[in-house]
């Protein structure tokens, strides 16, 4: 046996009106939207019709304020009132009710319910533009009941919605607040919206969309758009970029931020649907890499979500997003040709966005890669400046490794690029694909150490005993010892390890802070490496005077301790976190040298 769902209308209306929308003031948008759609519907019946919306605010001493929203649109017949005002989810704007596609804003048939947030009753007075229909008065209540009566008085076709303020929502009926919200939601609408309060009578949307206006020159246009951006977002912008997409019928302006934004933060954009504000916090209209702009955009043919506060994610939205991204790309390309100085300032602010786009677009990569700044062992420079000095693209993709070798590389007159920051490794690895005649080489500290000068035979004999002691001192730390000549002379030793060695160090540090169960798992993972030979190397610098003096000592215990301290120092210089065993080595060594110094002082006395 089949049964029907039981619907509690008051609860359903409360859910829709109080929880579907993000703010009570959305009722202003919904009423404007209904009025605009009614005017558009009438224009299909009478192309010469001049639409207009009027909002009257009535403040009465001792009584709650009221609002009247009036449009001269198509109006409703009695059948349409029962069907569309009294049926949740039914809309007169659906394609099924029209012979041809209509560009209505609303499609869901639930917008009027938002009025119950601010009013206990919704009164609709309407007269259909169709012949022989008398005016009707519809009164809806949040318990799901309504009444309908025919009015004997006659007036022009259209619809009037009357709301009486619910206690606690008086600010939403304040004249200044209403004018501000009407302009906020409907500032781009093509029909005049008049707000009347007492003797004050104002059309609040006279300006329209500034990017659709004609200007005498580019400078005047730029000033107008940047002024609009300042008013919209309360901040000054670096530049304004026109946006357009045939897919979705999108147009608008992207405002370039005058500061470097947080890479992890997606910008929120102001978006309109058929010139009605949809949302000020839309995140899904522009590509992810376009975090250097905030946009004001209108779409005539994208699908809104049910709350009409964002766009539905579908193929059409994705195609529009790609087209808008292309507008930003063309802006940057044009800037490189007509105003290189401005482009340089832009790159200083937003090079991360350009890097992100260059990864995706080979042609864009060719245009901009040499403008982009990178950190190198010889300081920050553009990749173009780097290429003037080097025939080979040499980079290190790991930040700690770069810090470890940058000073040594600079002393050797080796310019190596730091590829550890966001997008850099991908861009540098791609260089030889775009420019095949330029070889690309990934450098690690071990590779650099192999380029150091070897010792002469006499120097090898001089340091032989020292290296034997060093091997013994470093054996517990799976590190071998070697003696080479390199710059700078002030650096006594450099620690290097390979990928496997870094993995083992990370594994051992994780075991130290993990639970016994997890420590056992990690122990099994590292069992093979634990029995392997040295996975790191400490390269001593023969050109360092301290190293040569240590090599000349015959006190094996002092040399042993000194080697261990140089090992810890090299780890710290290479930004390697110390394990508990290495921390103990550091503490013991410091105490031993303090004890040795105090003892020498006492013996001298």
Protein backbone atom coordinates (compact mmCIF):
# COMPACT_ATOMS: atom_id res chain seq x y z
CA UNK A 1 0.00 0.00 0.00
CA UNK A 2 1.37 3.40 -0.98
CA UNK A 3 1.26 6.47 1.27
CA UNK A 4 1.89 10.16 0.58
CA UNK A 5 4.40 12.33 2.41
CA UNK A 6 2.86 14.51 5.11
CA UNK A 7 4.08 18.11 4.84
CA UNK A 8 4.13 20.47 7.80
CA UNK A 9 3.79 23.79 5.97
CA UNK A 10 4.79 26.09 8.83
CA UNK A 11 7.95 24.07 9.41
CA UNK A 12 8.74 23.95 5.69
CA UNK A 13 8.24 27.69 5.29
CA UNK A 14 10.38 28.35 8.37
CA UNK A 15 13.13 26.15 6.92
CA UNK A 16 13.08 27.86 3.54
CA UNK A 17 12.65 31.44 4.69
CA UNK A 18 14.89 31.41 7.75
CA UNK A 19 17.62 28.93 6.75
CA UNK A 20 17.93 28.80 2.95
CA UNK A 21 19.15 32.39 2.71
CA UNK A 22 22.29 33.83 4.29
CA UNK A 23 20.75 37.08 5.53
CA UNK A 24 17.27 38.56 6.22
CA UNK A 25 17.96 41.39 3.77
CA UNK A 26 17.80 38.92 0.89
CA UNK A 27 14.04 39.56 0.75
CA UNK A 28 14.87 42.87 -0.99
CA UNK A 29 16.71 40.98 -3.71
CA UNK A 30 13.89 38.45 -4.12
CA UNK A 31 11.22 41.13 -4.51
CA UNK A 32 13.34 43.10 -6.97
CA UNK A 33 13.96 39.89 -8.86
CA UNK A 34 10.25 39.07 -9.10
CA UNK A 35 9.52 42.61 -10.29
CA UNK A 36 12.20 42.53 -12.98
CA UNK A 37 11.03 39.13 -14.22
CA UNK A 38 7.43 40.36 -14.38
CA UNK A 39 8.53 43.38 -16.44
CA UNK A 40 10.54 41.16 -18.79
CA UNK A 41 7.52 38.88 -19.21
CA UNK A 42 5.37 41.87 -20.15
CA UNK A 43 7.97 43.10 -22.63
CA UNK A 44 7.53 39.85 -24.56
CA UNK A 45 3.84 40.64 -24.85
CA UNK A 46 4.43 44.35 -25.55
CA UNK A 47 7.98 45.13 -26.82
CA UNK A 48 7.34 48.89 -26.40
CA UNK A 49 6.58 48.59 -22.70
CA UNK A 50 8.70 50.78 -20.38
CA UNK A 51 9.24 48.90 -17.14
CA UNK A 52 9.67 50.53 -13.75
CA UNK A 53 9.81 49.44 -10.09
CA UNK A 54 8.76 51.67 -7.21
CA UNK A 55 9.45 51.00 -3.53
CA UNK A 56 7.57 53.02 -0.94
CA UNK A 57 8.56 53.20 2.72
CA UNK A 58 5.89 54.21 5.22
CA UNK A 59 6.85 55.13 8.76
CA UNK A 60 3.86 55.70 11.06
CA UNK A 61 4.13 56.89 14.68
CA UNK A 62 3.26 54.11 17.11
CA UNK A 63 2.86 51.50 14.37
CA UNK A 64 5.29 49.15 12.68
CA UNK A 65 6.74 50.45 9.39
CA UNK A 66 5.61 48.99 6.09
CA UNK A 67 7.17 48.51 2.66
CA UNK A 68 5.40 48.43 -0.69
CA UNK A 69 7.17 46.93 -3.72
CA UNK A 70 5.40 47.83 -6.98
CA UNK A 71 6.17 46.82 -10.54
CA UNK A 72 4.30 47.45 -13.82
CA UNK A 73 4.99 43.96 -15.10
CA UNK A 74 2.65 41.29 -16.41
CA UNK A 75 0.67 40.69 -13.21
CA UNK A 76 -1.14 37.44 -12.29
CA UNK A 77 -4.51 35.93 -13.08
CA UNK A 78 -6.51 34.05 -10.43
CA UNK A 79 -5.36 30.68 -11.76
CA UNK A 80 -1.75 31.88 -11.72
CA UNK A 81 -2.10 33.13 -8.13
CA UNK A 82 -3.25 29.67 -6.98
CA UNK A 83 -0.60 27.94 -9.03
CA UNK A 84 2.44 30.10 -8.48
CA UNK A 85 1.97 32.00 -5.20
CA UNK A 86 0.45 29.11 -3.29
CA UNK A 87 2.58 26.22 -4.57
CA UNK A 88 6.10 26.01 -3.12
CA UNK A 89 8.62 25.14 -5.82
CA UNK A 90 6.33 26.12 -8.72
CA UNK A 91 7.46 29.09 -10.77
CA UNK A 92 5.77 31.06 -13.54
CA UNK A 93 9.22 31.55 -15.04
CA UNK A 94 9.89 27.95 -15.98
CA UNK A 95 10.36 27.24 -19.67
CA UNK A 96 7.28 24.98 -19.66
CA UNK A 97 5.05 28.04 -19.18
CA UNK A 98 6.45 29.93 -22.20
CA UNK A 99 6.60 29.28 -25.92
CA UNK A 100 10.20 30.47 -26.21
CA UNK A 101 13.16 30.86 -23.80
CA UNK A 102 12.77 33.79 -21.42
CA UNK A 103 15.72 35.40 -19.59
CA UNK A 104 14.16 35.35 -16.13
CA UNK A 105 16.38 35.62 -13.06
CA UNK A 106 14.40 33.36 -10.73
CA UNK A 107 13.45 29.80 -11.60
CA UNK A 108 12.69 28.02 -8.34
CA UNK A 109 9.36 29.43 -7.08
CA UNK A 110 10.47 29.93 -3.46
CA UNK A 111 11.81 33.51 -3.40
CA UNK A 112 8.65 35.11 -1.99
CA UNK A 113 9.02 33.00 1.16
CA UNK A 114 12.05 35.06 2.18
CA UNK A 115 9.61 37.86 3.06
CA UNK A 116 8.37 35.80 6.02
CA UNK A 117 11.73 36.45 7.68
CA UNK A 118 10.78 40.12 8.20
CA UNK A 119 6.96 40.06 8.03
CA UNK A 120 4.26 37.87 9.56
CA UNK A 121 2.06 38.35 6.50
CA UNK A 122 2.63 38.90 2.79
CA UNK A 123 -0.02 40.88 0.94
CA UNK A 124 0.06 40.77 -2.86
CA UNK A 125 -2.24 42.96 -4.94
CA UNK A 126 -2.02 42.12 -8.63
CA UNK A 127 -3.76 42.70 -11.93
CA UNK A 128 -2.94 40.70 -15.03
CA UNK A 129 -2.09 42.49 -18.25
CA UNK A 130 -4.31 40.00 -20.06
CA UNK A 131 -7.88 41.13 -20.90
CA UNK A 132 -10.91 40.78 -18.63
CA UNK A 133 -9.08 40.08 -15.38
CA UNK A 134 -9.97 42.07 -12.26
CA UNK A 135 -7.42 43.00 -9.59
CA UNK A 136 -6.82 40.38 -6.87
CA UNK A 137 -5.65 40.56 -3.27
CA UNK A 138 -3.71 37.54 -1.93
CA UNK A 139 -2.74 37.28 1.76
CA UNK A 140 -0.25 34.60 2.73
CA UNK A 141 0.67 33.52 6.26
CA UNK A 142 3.63 31.46 7.56
CA UNK A 143 1.31 28.66 8.76
CA UNK A 144 0.75 27.78 5.11
CA UNK A 145 -2.72 29.31 4.78
CA UNK A 146 -3.77 32.10 2.46
CA UNK A 147 -6.84 34.02 1.39
CA UNK A 148 -7.78 35.48 -1.98
CA UNK A 149 -10.39 38.03 -2.92
CA UNK A 150 -11.35 40.00 -5.99
CA UNK A 151 -11.10 43.80 -5.77
CA UNK A 152 -13.68 46.04 -7.34
CA UNK A 153 -11.33 49.03 -7.71
CA UNK A 154 -9.39 49.08 -10.94
CA UNK A 155 -5.78 50.09 -11.57
CA UNK A 156 -3.01 49.57 -14.11
CA UNK A 157 -1.60 46.06 -14.65
CA UNK A 158 1.23 45.02 -12.39
CA UNK A 159 1.90 43.71 -8.91
CA UNK A 160 2.22 45.31 -5.47
CA UNK A 161 3.71 43.46 -2.48
CA UNK A 162 3.06 44.87 1.01
CA UNK A 163 5.09 43.88 4.07
CA UNK A 164 4.55 44.94 7.68
CA UNK A 165 7.65 44.86 9.84
CA UNK A 166 7.98 41.96 12.26
CA UNK A 167 9.27 42.96 15.70
CA UNK A 168 13.05 42.96 15.81
CA UNK A 169 13.54 43.66 12.09
CA UNK A 170 12.96 47.43 12.09
CA UNK A 171 16.41 48.22 10.62
CA UNK A 172 15.41 46.43 7.41
CA UNK A 173 12.55 48.93 6.96
CA UNK A 174 14.73 52.00 7.58
CA UNK A 175 14.77 54.34 4.56
CA UNK A 176 18.55 54.66 4.23
CA UNK A 177 19.00 50.93 4.71
CA UNK A 178 16.41 50.09 2.06
CA UNK A 179 17.94 52.53 -0.44
CA UNK A 180 21.38 51.07 0.21
CA UNK A 181 20.18 47.47 -0.20
CA UNK A 182 18.18 48.24 -3.34
CA UNK A 183 21.22 49.88 -4.92
CA UNK A 184 23.40 47.04 -3.68
CA UNK A 185 21.27 44.30 -5.22
CA UNK A 186 19.84 46.13 -8.23
CA UNK A 187 22.43 48.76 -9.13
CA UNK A 188 22.99 47.20 -12.58
CA UNK A 189 19.35 46.49 -13.48
CA UNK A 190 18.18 48.00 -16.79
CA UNK A 191 14.83 49.25 -15.44
CA UNK A 192 14.63 52.36 -13.21
CA UNK A 193 14.10 51.55 -9.52
CA UNK A 194 12.52 54.40 -7.59
CA UNK A 195 12.61 54.56 -3.78
CA UNK A 196 10.04 56.88 -2.17
CA UNK A 197 9.97 57.91 1.51
CA UNK A 198 7.92 60.96 2.37
CA UNK A 199 9.12 63.79 0.13
CA UNK A 200 12.28 61.94 -0.85
CA UNK A 201 12.01 60.38 -4.29
CA UNK A 202 15.15 58.89 -5.85
CA UNK A 203 16.09 56.56 -8.72
CA UNK A 204 18.87 54.52 -7.14
CA UNK A 205 20.27 52.67 -10.19
CA UNK A 206 20.80 55.51 -12.65
CA UNK A 207 24.50 54.69 -13.22
CA UNK A 208 24.27 51.11 -14.46
CA UNK A 209 27.32 49.04 -15.32
CA UNK A 210 30.29 51.40 -15.92
CA UNK A 211 32.14 48.93 -18.19
CA UNK A 212 29.29 49.20 -20.71
CA UNK A 213 29.57 52.99 -21.05
CA UNK A 214 31.33 54.87 -23.82
CA UNK A 215 34.34 57.00 -22.81
CA UNK A 216 36.33 59.65 -24.66
CA UNK A 217 39.65 57.88 -24.12
CA UNK A 218 41.36 55.05 -22.25
CA UNK A 219 42.44 57.29 -19.39
CA UNK A 220 38.87 58.43 -18.70
CA UNK A 221 37.67 54.83 -18.86
CA UNK A 222 40.39 53.65 -16.47
CA UNK A 223 39.56 56.38 -13.96
CA UNK A 224 35.84 55.54 -14.10
CA UNK A 225 36.41 51.81 -13.63
CA UNK A 226 38.92 52.22 -10.81
CA UNK A 227 36.53 54.64 -9.08
CA UNK A 228 33.77 52.04 -9.37
CA UNK A 229 36.13 49.40 -7.95
CA UNK A 230 36.98 51.63 -5.00
CA UNK A 231 33.28 52.15 -4.27
CA UNK A 232 32.51 48.44 -4.64
CA UNK A 233 35.32 47.07 -2.45
CA UNK A 234 36.44 50.11 -0.42
CA UNK A 235 40.04 49.92 -1.63
CA UNK A 236 42.19 51.30 -4.40
CA UNK A 237 43.38 48.92 -7.12
CA UNK A 238 46.46 48.61 -9.32
CA UNK A 239 44.50 48.30 -12.57
CA UNK A 240 41.16 47.26 -14.10
CA UNK A 241 40.86 44.45 -16.65
CA UNK A 242 37.76 43.97 -18.88
CA UNK A 243 36.24 40.49 -18.71
CA UNK A 244 34.02 38.82 -21.30
CA UNK A 245 32.87 35.30 -22.11
CA UNK A 246 30.42 34.34 -24.84
CA UNK A 247 29.75 31.13 -22.94
CA UNK A 248 27.39 32.11 -20.15
CA UNK A 249 27.05 35.63 -21.62
CA UNK A 250 29.43 37.05 -19.02
CA UNK A 251 30.88 40.54 -18.83
CA UNK A 252 32.50 42.61 -16.12
CA UNK A 253 35.74 43.95 -14.68
CA UNK A 254 38.60 42.34 -12.76
CA UNK A 255 40.42 44.68 -10.40
CA UNK A 256 44.11 43.94 -9.87
CA UNK A 257 45.03 43.97 -6.18
CA UNK A 258 47.67 46.54 -5.15
CA UNK A 259 49.30 44.10 -2.73
CA UNK A 260 50.53 40.50 -2.75
CA UNK A 261 47.67 38.31 -1.47
CA UNK A 262 47.96 35.16 0.60
CA UNK A 263 48.41 32.30 -1.86
CA UNK A 264 46.14 30.04 0.22
CA UNK A 265 43.25 32.53 0.14
CA UNK A 266 40.86 32.52 -2.81
CA UNK A 267 39.46 35.92 -3.67
CA UNK A 268 35.72 36.47 -3.29
CA UNK A 269 34.03 38.16 -6.23
CA UNK A 270 30.82 40.16 -6.66
CA UNK A 271 28.69 38.39 -9.25
CA UNK A 272 25.36 39.37 -10.82
CA UNK A 273 22.84 37.18 -12.60
CA UNK A 274 20.98 39.05 -15.35
CA UNK A 275 22.15 42.29 -13.65
CA UNK A 276 20.78 41.26 -10.24
CA UNK A 277 23.34 40.75 -7.48
CA UNK A 278 23.79 37.05 -6.85
CA UNK A 279 26.63 37.01 -4.35
CA UNK A 280 29.54 39.04 -3.02
CA UNK A 281 31.44 35.92 -2.01
CA UNK A 282 31.49 33.84 -5.18
CA UNK A 283 34.73 31.86 -5.44
CA UNK A 284 34.17 29.58 -8.42
CA UNK A 285 33.89 31.98 -11.36
CA UNK A 286 37.58 32.69 -12.07
CA UNK A 287 40.50 30.23 -12.36
CA UNK A 288 42.31 29.32 -9.14
CA UNK A 289 45.51 31.02 -10.32
CA UNK A 290 43.66 34.37 -10.62
CA UNK A 291 44.03 35.16 -6.92
CA UNK A 292 45.55 38.56 -7.80
CA UNK A 293 42.16 40.07 -8.78
CA UNK A 294 38.74 40.80 -7.33
CA UNK A 295 36.00 40.93 -9.93
CA UNK A 296 32.58 42.42 -10.52
CA UNK A 297 30.89 40.23 -13.12
CA UNK A 298 27.43 39.82 -14.63
CA UNK A 299 26.27 36.54 -16.19
CA UNK A 300 23.12 36.22 -18.26
CA UNK A 301 23.29 32.51 -19.00
CA UNK A 302 24.83 30.65 -16.06
CA UNK A 303 22.79 28.46 -13.78
CA UNK A 304 22.34 29.71 -10.18
CA UNK A 305 22.05 27.47 -7.15
CA UNK A 306 18.68 27.20 -5.40
CA UNK A 307 19.55 29.97 -2.93
CA UNK A 308 20.72 32.08 -5.91
CA UNK A 309 23.91 33.00 -4.04
CA UNK A 310 26.38 31.17 -6.31
CA UNK A 311 26.61 29.46 -9.71
CA UNK A 312 26.04 25.76 -10.24
CA UNK A 313 29.24 23.91 -11.10
CA UNK A 314 28.74 22.49 -14.60
CA UNK A 315 30.41 22.38 -18.02
CA UNK A 316 29.12 25.83 -18.98
CA UNK A 317 30.59 27.42 -15.86
CA UNK A 318 33.92 25.68 -16.51
CA UNK A 319 33.98 27.00 -20.10
CA UNK A 320 33.18 30.53 -18.88
CA UNK A 321 35.93 30.26 -16.28
CA UNK A 322 38.46 29.34 -18.98
CA UNK A 323 37.34 32.28 -21.16
CA UNK A 324 37.65 34.76 -18.29
CA UNK A 325 41.09 33.39 -17.51
CA UNK A 326 42.03 34.02 -21.13
CA UNK A 327 41.00 37.69 -20.68
CA UNK A 328 43.47 38.00 -17.80
CA UNK A 329 46.16 36.27 -19.86
CA UNK A 330 45.60 38.68 -22.77
CA UNK A 331 45.83 41.63 -20.37
CA UNK A 332 49.25 40.49 -19.19
CA UNK A 333 50.47 39.82 -22.71
CA UNK A 334 49.27 43.26 -23.79
CA UNK A 335 50.95 44.86 -20.79
CA UNK A 336 54.28 43.31 -21.78
CA UNK A 337 54.03 45.01 -25.18
CA UNK A 338 52.59 48.44 -24.36
CA UNK A 339 53.84 49.17 -20.83
CA UNK A 340 56.87 47.09 -19.69
CA UNK A 341 57.41 49.29 -16.63
CA UNK A 342 53.89 48.66 -15.41
CA UNK A 343 54.35 44.95 -16.07
CA UNK A 344 57.50 44.98 -13.96
CA UNK A 345 55.55 46.52 -11.07
CA UNK A 346 52.81 43.96 -11.57
CA UNK A 347 55.29 41.08 -11.47
CA UNK A 348 56.76 42.46 -8.28
CA UNK A 349 53.31 42.14 -6.70
CA UNK A 350 51.88 39.04 -8.37
CA UNK A 351 54.67 36.86 -9.77
CA UNK A 352 53.10 33.80 -8.13
CA UNK A 353 50.00 34.13 -10.29
CA UNK A 354 52.10 34.48 -13.43
CA UNK A 355 54.13 31.42 -12.43
CA UNK A 356 50.94 29.41 -11.94
CA UNK A 357 49.66 30.41 -15.38
CA UNK A 358 53.03 29.80 -17.04
CA UNK A 359 52.96 26.18 -15.88
CA UNK A 360 49.65 25.67 -17.71
CA UNK A 361 50.34 27.68 -20.86
CA UNK A 362 53.48 27.13 -22.96
CA UNK A 363 53.09 30.32 -25.00
CA UNK A 364 52.60 32.33 -21.83
CA UNK A 365 55.69 30.59 -20.40
CA UNK A 366 57.79 31.79 -23.32
CA UNK A 367 56.55 35.35 -22.91
CA UNK A 368 57.07 35.73 -19.17
CA UNK A 369 59.54 33.19 -17.80
CA UNK A 370 62.53 35.52 -18.22
CA UNK A 371 60.72 38.34 -16.38
CA UNK A 372 60.09 36.24 -13.29
CA UNK A 373 62.26 36.64 -10.16
CA UNK A 374 64.01 33.67 -8.53
CA UNK A 375 66.28 33.29 -5.53
CA UNK A 376 69.79 32.14 -6.44
CA UNK A 377 73.05 31.48 -4.65
CA UNK A 378 74.12 34.95 -5.84
CA UNK A 379 70.99 36.77 -4.73
CA UNK A 380 67.60 37.39 -6.28
CA UNK A 381 67.51 37.88 -10.04
CA UNK A 382 65.14 37.35 -12.94
CA UNK A 383 65.56 34.20 -14.96
CA UNK A 384 66.57 36.40 -17.89
CA UNK A 385 69.44 37.81 -15.82
CA UNK A 386 70.41 34.29 -14.78
CA UNK A 387 70.52 33.12 -18.40
CA UNK A 388 72.84 35.99 -19.33
CA UNK A 389 75.36 34.56 -16.85
CA UNK A 390 74.81 30.81 -17.33
CA UNK A 391 74.47 28.44 -20.27
CA UNK A 392 72.98 25.65 -18.12
CA UNK A 393 69.87 25.87 -15.94
CA UNK A 394 71.04 24.52 -12.57
CA UNK A 395 68.62 24.39 -9.65
CA UNK A 396 67.97 22.69 -6.32
CA UNK A 397 64.34 21.72 -5.60
CA UNK A 398 64.76 21.38 -1.81
CA UNK A 399 64.88 24.50 0.40
CA UNK A 400 67.08 23.02 3.14
CA UNK A 401 69.52 21.72 0.55
CA UNK A 402 69.65 25.11 -1.14
CA UNK A 403 70.35 26.84 2.17
CA UNK A 404 73.01 24.23 2.85
CA UNK A 405 74.98 24.86 -0.35
CA UNK A 406 74.10 28.43 -1.39
CA UNK A 407 76.99 30.02 0.51
CA UNK A 408 79.45 27.41 -0.73
CA UNK A 409 78.18 27.67 -4.31
CA UNK A 410 78.48 31.47 -4.29
CA UNK A 411 82.03 31.21 -3.01
CA UNK A 412 82.81 28.83 -5.91
CA UNK A 413 81.25 31.39 -8.29
CA UNK A 414 78.48 28.86 -8.99
CA UNK A 415 75.05 30.43 -9.58
CA UNK A 416 72.37 27.92 -8.58
CA UNK A 417 68.62 28.65 -8.57
CA UNK A 418 66.46 27.84 -5.57
CA UNK A 419 63.58 25.77 -6.96
CA UNK A 420 61.96 25.03 -3.60
CA UNK A 421 59.30 27.73 -3.56
CA UNK A 422 55.78 27.38 -4.97
CA UNK A 423 55.75 26.54 -8.71
CA UNK A 424 59.53 27.12 -9.09
CA UNK A 425 60.69 23.51 -9.50
CA UNK A 426 57.99 22.84 -12.12
CA UNK A 427 58.90 26.00 -14.03
CA UNK A 428 62.64 25.27 -13.98
CA UNK A 429 62.18 21.63 -14.95
CA UNK A 430 60.03 22.77 -17.86
CA UNK A 431 62.69 25.15 -19.17
CA UNK A 432 64.49 22.62 -21.37
CA UNK A 433 61.15 21.49 -22.83
CA UNK A 434 60.37 25.01 -24.00
CA UNK A 435 63.98 25.90 -24.87
CA UNK A 436 65.55 22.56 -25.98
CA UNK A 437 69.00 24.09 -26.60
CA UNK A 438 69.42 24.90 -22.88
CA UNK A 439 70.33 21.90 -20.67
CA UNK A 440 68.72 21.66 -17.23
CA UNK A 441 70.49 20.09 -14.26
CA UNK A 442 69.09 19.27 -10.83
CA UNK A 443 71.82 19.85 -8.24
CA UNK A 444 72.16 18.28 -4.80
CA UNK A 445 74.86 18.96 -2.16
CA UNK A 446 76.63 15.69 -3.01
CA UNK A 447 77.01 16.75 -6.64
CA UNK A 448 78.46 20.08 -5.56
CA UNK A 449 80.89 18.39 -3.15
CA UNK A 450 82.22 16.25 -5.98
CA UNK A 451 83.31 19.41 -7.78
CA UNK A 452 85.61 20.47 -4.92
CA UNK A 453 89.37 20.31 -5.52
CA UNK A 454 91.29 17.22 -4.46
CA UNK A 455 94.27 17.36 -2.09
CA UNK A 456 97.85 17.00 -3.22
CA UNK A 457 99.64 13.77 -2.26
CA UNK A 458 101.54 15.45 0.57
CA UNK A 459 98.33 17.00 1.89
CA UNK A 460 96.64 13.59 1.82
CA UNK A 461 99.43 12.12 3.92
CA UNK A 462 99.21 15.08 6.29
CA UNK A 463 95.49 14.51 6.94
CA UNK A 464 95.44 10.70 6.82
CA UNK A 465 95.40 10.15 10.61
CA UNK A 466 92.85 12.92 11.09
CA UNK A 467 90.44 11.27 8.65
CA UNK A 468 90.83 7.89 10.41
CA UNK A 469 89.80 9.51 13.71
CA UNK A 470 86.98 11.40 11.94
CA UNK A 471 85.63 8.16 10.41
CA UNK A 472 85.52 6.59 13.87
CA UNK A 473 83.87 9.64 15.43
CA UNK A 474 81.18 9.83 12.73
CA UNK A 475 80.47 6.09 12.36
CA UNK A 476 77.62 6.05 14.95
CA UNK A 477 75.86 8.68 12.83
CA UNK A 478 76.17 6.73 9.54
CA UNK A 479 78.38 9.47 8.11
CA UNK A 480 81.70 9.16 6.29
CA UNK A 481 84.55 11.70 6.31
CA UNK A 482 86.40 13.28 3.41
CA UNK A 483 88.90 16.12 2.96
CA UNK A 484 88.66 18.53 0.00
CA UNK A 485 89.50 22.14 -0.86
CA UNK A 486 86.62 24.58 -1.35
CA UNK A 487 85.41 28.08 -0.66
CA UNK A 488 84.60 29.91 1.49
CA UNK A 489 87.67 29.30 3.61
CA UNK A 490 85.73 30.28 6.73
CA UNK A 491 83.53 27.16 6.43
CA UNK A 492 85.30 24.22 8.14
CA UNK A 493 82.97 21.43 6.96
CA UNK A 494 79.87 20.75 4.89
CA UNK A 495 77.35 17.97 5.55
CA UNK A 496 75.76 16.30 2.52
CA UNK A 497 73.30 13.44 2.16
CA UNK A 498 71.19 11.87 -0.57
CA UNK A 499 67.44 11.28 -0.79
CA UNK A 500 67.71 7.97 1.03
CA UNK A 501 69.73 9.59 3.79
CA UNK A 502 67.12 12.35 4.23
CA UNK A 503 64.42 9.67 4.42
CA UNK A 504 66.32 7.78 7.14
CA UNK A 505 66.85 10.95 9.20
CA UNK A 506 63.15 11.76 8.89
CA UNK A 507 62.27 8.19 9.89
CA UNK A 508 64.48 8.27 12.99
CA UNK A 509 63.09 11.64 14.11
CA UNK A 510 59.51 10.36 13.66
CA UNK A 511 60.30 7.29 15.79
CA UNK A 512 61.49 9.52 18.62
CA UNK A 513 58.13 11.26 18.97
CA UNK A 514 55.77 8.40 18.02
CA UNK A 515 53.91 5.87 20.17
CA UNK A 516 55.48 2.41 20.78
CA UNK A 517 53.12 0.82 18.24
CA UNK A 518 53.87 3.32 15.50
CA UNK A 519 57.55 3.27 16.40
CA UNK A 520 57.57 -0.47 15.72
CA UNK A 521 56.01 0.07 12.31
CA UNK A 522 58.63 2.69 11.46
CA UNK A 523 61.35 0.39 12.77
CA UNK A 524 60.27 -2.30 10.31
CA UNK A 525 60.20 0.21 7.45
CA UNK A 526 63.76 1.31 8.19
CA UNK A 527 65.23 -2.13 8.97
CA UNK A 528 67.10 -2.43 5.68
CA UNK A 529 68.56 1.08 5.91
CA UNK A 530 69.54 0.61 9.55
CA UNK A 531 72.11 -2.04 8.61
CA UNK A 532 73.35 -0.20 5.53
CA UNK A 533 76.62 1.73 5.39
CA UNK A 534 77.05 5.51 5.61
CA UNK A 535 74.28 7.48 3.95
CA UNK A 536 75.84 10.92 4.50
CA UNK A 537 79.22 12.60 4.18
CA UNK A 538 81.03 15.31 6.12
CA UNK A 539 83.47 17.07 3.80
CA UNK A 540 86.20 18.92 5.67
CA UNK A 541 87.68 22.03 4.10
CA UNK A 542 91.47 21.82 3.91
CA UNK A 543 91.62 25.57 3.23
CA UNK A 544 90.14 26.26 6.66
CA UNK A 545 92.91 27.05 9.19
CA UNK A 546 91.08 25.34 12.06
CA UNK A 547 90.80 22.08 10.11
CA UNK A 548 94.52 22.11 9.31
CA UNK A 549 95.39 22.77 12.95
CA UNK A 550 93.15 19.88 14.04
CA UNK A 551 94.83 17.61 11.48
CA UNK A 552 98.20 18.47 13.03
CA UNK A 553 97.14 17.56 16.60
CA UNK A 554 98.20 14.28 18.16
CA UNK A 555 95.61 14.35 20.96
CA UNK A 556 93.17 11.80 19.49
CA UNK A 557 90.52 12.40 22.15
CA UNK A 558 90.45 16.15 21.46
CA UNK A 559 90.33 15.55 17.68
CA UNK A 560 87.54 13.00 18.14
CA UNK A 561 85.45 15.47 20.15
CA UNK A 562 86.20 18.35 17.77
CA UNK A 563 85.09 16.32 14.74
CA UNK A 564 81.78 15.54 16.44
CA UNK A 565 81.22 19.24 17.20
CA UNK A 566 82.01 20.20 13.60
CA UNK A 567 79.50 17.55 12.52
CA UNK A 568 76.75 19.13 14.64
CA UNK A 569 77.69 22.61 13.39
CA UNK A 570 77.46 21.41 9.77
CA UNK A 571 74.01 19.94 10.47
CA UNK A 572 72.82 23.25 11.90
CA UNK A 573 74.28 25.24 8.99
CA UNK A 574 72.48 22.89 6.60
CA UNK A 575 69.16 23.41 8.47
CA UNK A 576 68.92 19.73 9.42
CA UNK A 577 66.87 19.13 12.60
CA UNK A 578 68.96 17.40 15.26
CA UNK A 579 67.96 14.00 16.57
CA UNK A 580 67.98 13.34 20.32
CA UNK A 581 71.33 11.55 19.93
CA UNK A 582 72.80 14.55 18.13
CA UNK A 583 71.37 16.95 20.72
CA UNK A 584 73.11 14.91 23.41
CA UNK A 585 76.31 15.07 21.39
CA UNK A 586 76.03 18.87 21.22
CA UNK A 587 75.37 19.22 24.95
CA UNK A 588 78.13 16.82 25.95
CA UNK A 589 80.61 18.47 23.62
CA UNK A 590 79.90 21.96 24.92
CA UNK A 591 80.24 20.83 28.50
CA UNK A 592 83.45 18.96 27.70
CA UNK A 593 85.04 22.00 26.08
CA UNK A 594 83.95 24.21 28.98
CA UNK A 595 85.44 21.70 31.40
CA UNK A 596 88.64 21.55 29.32
CA UNK A 597 88.90 25.36 29.24
CA UNK A 598 88.32 25.70 32.98
CA UNK A 599 90.88 22.97 33.67
CA UNK A 600 93.49 24.71 31.48
CA UNK A 601 92.84 27.96 33.32
CA UNK A 602 93.22 26.28 36.71
CA UNK A 603 96.39 24.48 35.62
CA UNK A 604 97.82 27.77 34.46
CA UNK A 605 97.25 29.26 37.86
